Amino acid sequence: MAFRELIKKYGKVALGVHFTVSAASISGLYIAIKNNLDVESFLQNFHINPSPPPQPPSEPNPQAQTSSSSSSPDGFVIEETNGSLNQPTVGVEEKKRNRTAELTASTGGALALAVLCNKALLPIRVPITVALTPPIARFLARRKITKTSV
């Protein structure tokens, strides 16, 4: 049964079920995002690619001297170059960029991201609505909450 047919047959009940499923989805996504869910990997579980394909690695810098680097336990990278002084230099290791944390840092960012994820999950929400509407409509008709009998 298509969503439009469902709306024609069940009317307000179908809309109520759809809005309830959407509200539950947005609420769950908002809580997950506030608890640092990685949205990109979450959407990739549903075969939705939210980001462009990765860029090929750039060519190495021809002016760079030969160097060896090692990582210390506290997250710093220690590089030793074959220069004249042979003094090690210390740099900070680059961590993977978390775009979800960057978006939620702004006011309302988590809610906006939850709504966008909810939009992306529409193909999953519609079948849930289609499956839940007939039993809920029967339940409401038996309790005489709705006037139409299904």
C-alpha atoms as a PDB file:
ATOM      1  CA  MET A   1       0.000   0.000   0.000  1.00  0.00           C
ATOM      2  CA  ALA A   2       1.396   3.395  -0.982  1.00  0.00           C
ATOM      3  CA  PHE A   3       1.583   6.252   1.499  1.00  0.00           C
ATOM      4  CA  ARG A   4      -1.019   8.325  -0.384  1.00  0.00           C
ATOM      5  CA  GLU A   5      -3.485   5.430  -0.368  1.00  0.00           C
ATOM      6  CA  LEU A   6      -2.873   5.046   3.348  1.00  0.00           C
ATOM      7  CA  ILE A   7      -3.679   8.732   3.899  1.00  0.00           C
ATOM      8  CA  LYS A   8      -6.888   8.411   1.832  1.00  0.00           C
ATOM      9  CA  LYS A   9      -8.051   5.324   3.696  1.00  0.00           C
ATOM     10  CA  TYR A  10      -7.094   6.183   7.278  1.00  0.00           C
ATOM     11  CA  GLY A  11      -6.924  10.014   7.144  1.00  0.00           C
ATOM     12  CA  LYS A  12      -6.089  11.672  10.447  1.00  0.00           C
ATOM     13  CA  VAL A  13      -4.986   8.403  12.044  1.00  0.00           C
ATOM     14  CA  ALA A  14      -2.321   7.869   9.362  1.00  0.00           C
ATOM     15  CA  LEU A  15      -1.068  11.434   9.754  1.00  0.00           C
ATOM     16  CA  GLY A  16      -0.967  11.070  13.524  1.00  0.00           C
ATOM     17  CA  VAL A  17       1.011   7.835  13.270  1.00  0.00           C
ATOM     18  CA  HIS A  18       3.408   9.360  10.746  1.00  0.00           C
ATOM     19  CA  PHE A  19       4.025  12.472  12.873  1.00  0.00           C
ATOM     20  CA  THR A  20       4.487  10.311  15.985  1.00  0.00           C
ATOM     21  CA  VAL A  21       7.053   8.112  14.215  1.00  0.00           C
ATOM     22  CA  SER A  22       8.815  11.255  12.952  1.00  0.00           C
ATOM     23  CA  ALA A  23       8.845  12.844  16.415  1.00  0.00           C
ATOM     24  CA  ALA A  24      10.255   9.658  17.947  1.00  0.00           C
ATOM     25  CA  SER A  25      12.890   9.506  15.214  1.00  0.00           C
ATOM     26  CA  ILE A  26      13.945  13.142  15.671  1.00  0.00           C
ATOM     27  CA  SER A  27      14.036  12.740  19.467  1.00  0.00           C
ATOM     28  CA  GLY A  28      16.167   9.612  19.279  1.00  0.00           C
ATOM     29  CA  LEU A  29      18.528  11.151  16.746  1.00  0.00           C
ATOM     30  CA  TYR A  30      18.835  14.348  18.813  1.00  0.00           C
ATOM     31  CA  ILE A  31      19.768  12.386  21.936  1.00  0.00           C
ATOM     32  CA  ALA A  32      22.230  10.259  19.967  1.00  0.00           C
ATOM     33  CA  ILE A  33      23.867  13.332  18.389  1.00  0.00           C
ATOM     34  CA  LYS A  34      24.118  15.089  21.756  1.00  0.00           C
ATOM     35  CA  ASN A  35      25.916  11.948  23.001  1.00  0.00           C
ATOM     36  CA  ASN A  36      28.486  12.240  20.156  1.00  0.00           C
ATOM     37  CA  LEU A  37      27.112   9.778  17.621  1.00  0.00           C
ATOM     38  CA  ASP A  38      29.243   9.733  14.479  1.00  0.00           C
ATOM     39  CA  VAL A  39      26.529  10.676  11.977  1.00  0.00           C
ATOM     40  CA  GLU A  40      28.587   9.810   8.885  1.00  0.00           C
ATOM     41  CA  SER A  41      29.150   6.205   9.929  1.00  0.00           C
ATOM     42  CA  PHE A  42      25.523   5.960  11.109  1.00  0.00           C
ATOM     43  CA  LEU A  43      24.175   7.003   7.713  1.00  0.00           C
ATOM     44  CA  GLN A  44      26.644   4.715   5.929  1.00  0.00           C
ATOM     45  CA  ASN A  45      25.018   1.796   7.786  1.00  0.00           C
ATOM     46  CA  PHE A  46      21.893   2.590   5.756  1.00  0.00           C
ATOM     47  CA  HIS A  47      23.936   2.931   2.531  1.00  0.00           C
ATOM     48  CA  ILE A  48      23.589   6.725   2.516  1.00  0.00           C
ATOM     49  CA  ASN A  49      26.848   8.534   1.749  1.00  0.00           C
ATOM     50  CA  PRO A  50      26.695  11.994   3.380  1.00  0.00           C
ATOM     51  CA  SER A  51      30.151  13.156   2.322  1.00  0.00           C
ATOM     52  CA  PRO A  52      31.972  13.357  -0.998  1.00  0.00           C
ATOM     53  CA  PRO A  53      34.420  10.586  -1.861  1.00  0.00           C
ATOM     54  CA  PRO A  54      37.872  10.981  -0.294  1.00  0.00           C
ATOM     55  CA  GLN A  55      40.506  12.884  -2.230  1.00  0.00           C
ATOM     56  CA  PRO A  56      43.515  10.938  -3.525  1.00  0.00           C
ATOM     57  CA  PRO A  57      46.645  11.436  -1.423  1.00  0.00           C
ATOM     58  CA  SER A  58      48.750  14.388  -2.439  1.00  0.00           C
ATOM     59  CA  GLU A  59      52.280  13.984  -3.750  1.00  0.00           C
ATOM     60  CA  PRO A  60      55.036  14.072  -1.139  1.00  0.00           C
ATOM     61  CA  ASN A  61      56.944  17.293  -0.687  1.00  0.00           C
ATOM     62  CA  PRO A  62      60.200  17.031  -2.698  1.00  0.00           C
ATOM     63  CA  GLN A  63      61.966  19.519  -0.382  1.00  0.00           C
ATOM     64  CA  ALA A  64      61.373  17.448   2.731  1.00  0.00           C
ATOM     65  CA  GLN A  65      64.403  15.968   4.364  1.00  0.00           C
ATOM     66  CA  THR A  66      64.508  12.316   5.215  1.00  0.00           C
ATOM     67  CA  SER A  67      63.078  11.924   8.662  1.00  0.00           C
ATOM     68  CA  SER A  68      61.906   9.273  11.025  1.00  0.00           C
ATOM     69  CA  SER A  69      58.994   9.825  13.333  1.00  0.00           C
ATOM     70  CA  SER A  70      57.716   8.001  16.343  1.00  0.00           C
ATOM     71  CA  SER A  71      54.643   8.484  18.434  1.00  0.00           C
ATOM     72  CA  SER A  72      54.866   9.051  22.154  1.00  0.00           C
ATOM     73  CA  PRO A  73      52.213   7.654  24.513  1.00  0.00           C
ATOM     74  CA  ASP A  74      50.742  11.108  25.145  1.00  0.00           C
ATOM     75  CA  GLY A  75      49.763  11.638  21.478  1.00  0.00           C
ATOM     76  CA  PHE A  76      52.698  13.773  20.340  1.00  0.00           C
ATOM     77  CA  VAL A  77      54.772  12.944  17.290  1.00  0.00           C
ATOM     78  CA  ILE A  78      58.526  13.143  17.711  1.00  0.00           C
ATOM     79  CA  GLU A  79      60.392  13.703  14.461  1.00  0.00           C
ATOM     80  CA  GLU A  80      64.107  13.337  14.064  1.00  0.00           C
ATOM     81  CA  THR A  81      65.628  14.870  10.955  1.00  0.00           C
ATOM     82  CA  ASN A  82      69.002  14.251   9.384  1.00  0.00           C
ATOM     83  CA  GLY A  83      69.904  17.930   9.617  1.00  0.00           C
ATOM     84  CA  SER A  84      73.133  19.408  10.883  1.00  0.00           C
ATOM     85  CA  LEU A  85      71.985  19.757  14.503  1.00  0.00           C
ATOM     86  CA  ASN A  86      70.131  16.404  14.819  1.00  0.00           C
ATOM     87  CA  GLN A  87      67.687  17.926  17.316  1.00  0.00           C
ATOM     88  CA  PRO A  88      64.254  16.320  17.512  1.00  0.00           C
ATOM     89  CA  THR A  89      61.208  18.461  16.808  1.00  0.00           C
ATOM     90  CA  VAL A  90      57.866  17.850  18.485  1.00  0.00           C
ATOM     91  CA  GLY A  91      54.541  18.295  16.691  1.00  0.00           C
ATOM     92  CA  VAL A  92      50.933  17.463  17.481  1.00  0.00           C
ATOM     93  CA  GLU A  93      49.463  14.414  15.756  1.00  0.00           C
ATOM     94  CA  GLU A  94      46.454  15.244  13.588  1.00  0.00           C
ATOM     95  CA  LYS A  95      43.304  13.511  14.755  1.00  0.00           C
ATOM     96  CA  LYS A  96      40.388  12.435  12.584  1.00  0.00           C
ATOM     97  CA  ARG A  97      38.033  15.340  12.032  1.00  0.00           C
ATOM     98  CA  ASN A  98      34.655  14.898  13.741  1.00  0.00           C
ATOM     99  CA  ARG A  99      32.202  16.938  11.699  1.00  0.00           C
ATOM    100  CA  THR A 100      29.314  16.025  13.989  1.00  0.00           C
ATOM    101  CA  ALA A 101      30.997  17.699  16.958  1.00  0.00           C
ATOM    102  CA  GLU A 102      31.708  20.789  14.855  1.00  0.00           C
ATOM    103  CA  LEU A 103      28.070  21.087  13.750  1.00  0.00           C
ATOM    104  CA  THR A 104      26.624  20.580  17.209  1.00  0.00           C
ATOM    105  CA  ALA A 105      28.900  23.225  18.711  1.00  0.00           C
ATOM    106  CA  SER A 106      26.650  25.932  17.281  1.00  0.00           C
ATOM    107  CA  THR A 107      23.299  26.787  18.838  1.00  0.00           C
ATOM    108  CA  GLY A 108      20.596  24.507  17.516  1.00  0.00           C
ATOM    109  CA  GLY A 109      23.137  22.502  15.527  1.00  0.00           C
ATOM    110  CA  ALA A 110      22.199  19.196  17.124  1.00  0.00           C
ATOM    111  CA  LEU A 111      18.496  19.704  16.446  1.00  0.00           C
ATOM    112  CA  ALA A 112      19.149  20.782  12.849  1.00  0.00           C
ATOM    113  CA  LEU A 113      21.369  17.756  12.300  1.00  0.00           C
ATOM    114  CA  ALA A 114      18.702  15.486  13.827  1.00  0.00           C
ATOM    115  CA  VAL A 115      16.072  16.896  11.455  1.00  0.00           C
ATOM    116  CA  LEU A 116      18.404  16.404   8.456  1.00  0.00           C
ATOM    117  CA  CYS A 117      19.094  12.807   9.460  1.00  0.00           C
ATOM    118  CA  ASN A 118      15.350  12.302   9.908  1.00  0.00           C
ATOM    119  CA  LYS A 119      14.834  13.513   6.328  1.00  0.00           C
ATOM    120  CA  ALA A 120      17.479  11.099   5.102  1.00  0.00           C
ATOM    121  CA  LEU A 121      15.721   8.238   6.875  1.00  0.00           C
ATOM    122  CA  LEU A 122      12.339   8.877   5.199  1.00  0.00           C
ATOM    123  CA  PRO A 123      12.546   5.605   3.193  1.00  0.00           C
ATOM    124  CA  ILE A 124      12.739   3.772   6.515  1.00  0.00           C
ATOM    125  CA  ARG A 125      10.020   5.758   8.318  1.00  0.00           C
ATOM    126  CA  VAL A 126       7.338   5.359   5.625  1.00  0.00           C
ATOM    127  CA  PRO A 127       7.203   1.533   5.791  1.00  0.00           C
ATOM    128  CA  ILE A 128       7.036   1.778   9.587  1.00  0.00           C
ATOM    129  CA  THR A 129       4.060   4.146   9.222  1.00  0.00           C
ATOM    130  CA  VAL A 130       2.390   1.833   6.697  1.00  0.00           C
ATOM    131  CA  ALA A 131       2.836  -1.148   9.017  1.00  0.00           C
ATOM    132  CA  LEU A 132       1.648   0.595  12.192  1.00  0.00           C
ATOM    133  CA  THR A 133      -1.361   2.552  10.886  1.00  0.00           C
ATOM    134  CA  PRO A 134      -3.934  -0.285  10.332  1.00  0.00           C
ATOM    135  CA  PRO A 135      -3.530  -1.874  13.797  1.00  0.00           C
ATOM    136  CA  ILE A 136      -3.637   1.532  15.486  1.00  0.00           C
ATOM    137  CA  ALA A 137      -6.729   2.516  13.469  1.00  0.00           C
ATOM    138  CA  ARG A 138      -8.459  -0.743  14.514  1.00  0.00           C
ATOM    139  CA  PHE A 139      -7.507  -0.159  18.153  1.00  0.00           C
ATOM    140  CA  LEU A 140      -8.882   3.401  18.067  1.00  0.00           C
ATOM    141  CA  ALA A 141     -12.103   2.237  16.330  1.00  0.00           C
ATOM    142  CA  ARG A 142     -12.665  -0.499  18.952  1.00  0.00           C
ATOM    143  CA  ARG A 143     -12.236   2.030  21.740  1.00  0.00           C
ATOM    144  CA  LYS A 144     -14.631   4.360  19.888  1.00  0.00           C
ATOM    145  CA  ILE A 145     -12.041   7.125  19.833  1.00  0.00           C
ATOM    146  CA  THR A 146     -12.396   7.590  16.064  1.00  0.00           C
ATOM    147  CA  LYS A 147     -15.734   7.695  14.290  1.00  0.00           C
ATOM    148  CA  THR A 148     -14.736   5.618  11.283  1.00  0.00           C
ATOM    149  CA  SER A 149     -14.676   1.854  11.606  1.00  0.00           C
ATOM    150  CA  VAL A 150     -11.935   0.028   9.806  1.00  0.00           C
END
